[in-house]
């Protein structure tokens, strides 16, 4: 089953195409996500998301979607269970 799922994922990845959207910044992606999901959440959740997006946008202002893959969390954040 895992091999089938991996094959499905590889097929989807192989079907990806580079477009103008490939270089979206954090705020653009977050707003697109908000628009796509706002009908499924409460108004308070949407307001909280917007606040988080506003605050995080400053941190990610110079990072495109393609550049986000280069970001690495601090080891102290990834090894919290140890």
Protein backbone atom coordinates (compact mmCIF):
# COMPACT_ATOMS: atom_id res chain seq x y z
CA UNK A 1 0.00 0.00 0.00
CA UNK A 2 2.84 2.40 0.84
CA UNK A 3 4.47 1.72 -2.52
CA UNK A 4 1.19 2.47 -4.32
CA UNK A 5 0.80 5.75 -2.43
CA UNK A 6 4.39 6.69 -3.18
CA UNK A 7 3.77 5.95 -6.84
CA UNK A 8 0.64 8.13 -6.78
CA UNK A 9 2.58 10.98 -5.14
CA UNK A 10 5.39 10.73 -7.69
CA UNK A 11 2.82 10.83 -10.47
CA UNK A 12 1.28 14.00 -9.06
CA UNK A 13 4.67 15.62 -8.60
CA UNK A 14 5.62 14.71 -12.16
CA UNK A 15 2.48 16.44 -13.42
CA UNK A 16 3.39 19.77 -11.83
CA UNK A 17 4.10 22.59 -14.23
CA UNK A 18 6.12 25.74 -13.69
CA UNK A 19 3.98 28.85 -14.05
CA UNK A 20 3.90 32.46 -12.94
CA UNK A 21 2.54 31.21 -9.60
CA UNK A 22 5.81 29.38 -8.89
CA UNK A 23 7.35 32.50 -7.39
CA UNK A 24 4.53 33.66 -5.13
CA UNK A 25 5.50 35.17 -1.81
CA UNK A 26 4.19 34.06 1.58
CA UNK A 27 1.46 36.66 1.80
CA UNK A 28 0.09 35.82 -1.66
CA UNK A 29 -0.01 32.08 -0.91
CA UNK A 30 -1.58 32.66 2.51
CA UNK A 31 -4.28 34.92 1.07
CA UNK A 32 -5.01 32.39 -1.69
CA UNK A 33 -5.31 29.65 0.97
CA UNK A 34 -7.58 31.87 3.06
CA UNK A 35 -9.88 32.52 0.11
CA UNK A 36 -10.02 28.83 -0.76
CA UNK A 37 -10.90 27.72 2.78
CA UNK A 38 -12.81 30.62 4.34
CA UNK A 39 -16.19 28.98 3.70
CA UNK A 40 -15.20 26.11 6.03
CA UNK A 41 -14.18 28.13 9.10
CA UNK A 42 -15.74 30.48 11.63
CA UNK A 43 -15.35 34.23 11.27
CA UNK A 44 -13.19 34.36 14.43
CA UNK A 45 -10.82 31.78 12.97
CA UNK A 46 -10.58 33.79 9.75
CA UNK A 47 -9.78 36.94 11.72
CA UNK A 48 -7.08 35.07 13.67
CA UNK A 49 -5.60 33.70 10.44
CA UNK A 50 -5.52 37.18 8.93
CA UNK A 51 -3.73 38.50 11.99
CA UNK A 52 -1.16 35.69 11.81
CA UNK A 53 -0.65 36.23 8.09
CA UNK A 54 -0.09 39.94 8.64
CA UNK A 55 2.49 39.30 11.36
CA UNK A 56 4.28 36.46 9.55
CA UNK A 57 4.37 38.35 6.25
CA UNK A 58 7.02 40.67 7.67
CA UNK A 59 9.19 37.69 8.64
CA UNK A 60 8.81 36.02 5.21
CA UNK A 61 8.79 39.22 3.13
CA UNK A 62 11.87 38.30 1.06
CA UNK A 63 11.08 34.60 0.71
CA UNK A 64 9.35 33.21 -2.35
CA UNK A 65 7.55 29.88 -2.33
CA UNK A 66 10.54 28.29 -4.02
CA UNK A 67 12.89 29.84 -1.49
CA UNK A 68 10.85 28.60 1.47
CA UNK A 69 12.21 25.10 0.96
CA UNK A 70 15.62 26.46 1.93
CA UNK A 71 14.41 27.59 5.36
CA UNK A 72 15.37 25.24 8.17
CA UNK A 73 13.93 25.33 11.69
CA UNK A 74 16.28 25.66 14.63
CA UNK A 75 17.32 22.26 16.05
CA UNK A 76 15.79 23.20 19.40
CA UNK A 77 12.38 23.35 17.66
CA UNK A 78 12.69 20.03 15.87
CA UNK A 79 14.06 17.98 18.77
CA UNK A 80 11.55 19.01 21.42
CA UNK A 81 10.65 15.41 22.32
CA UNK A 82 14.16 14.53 23.43
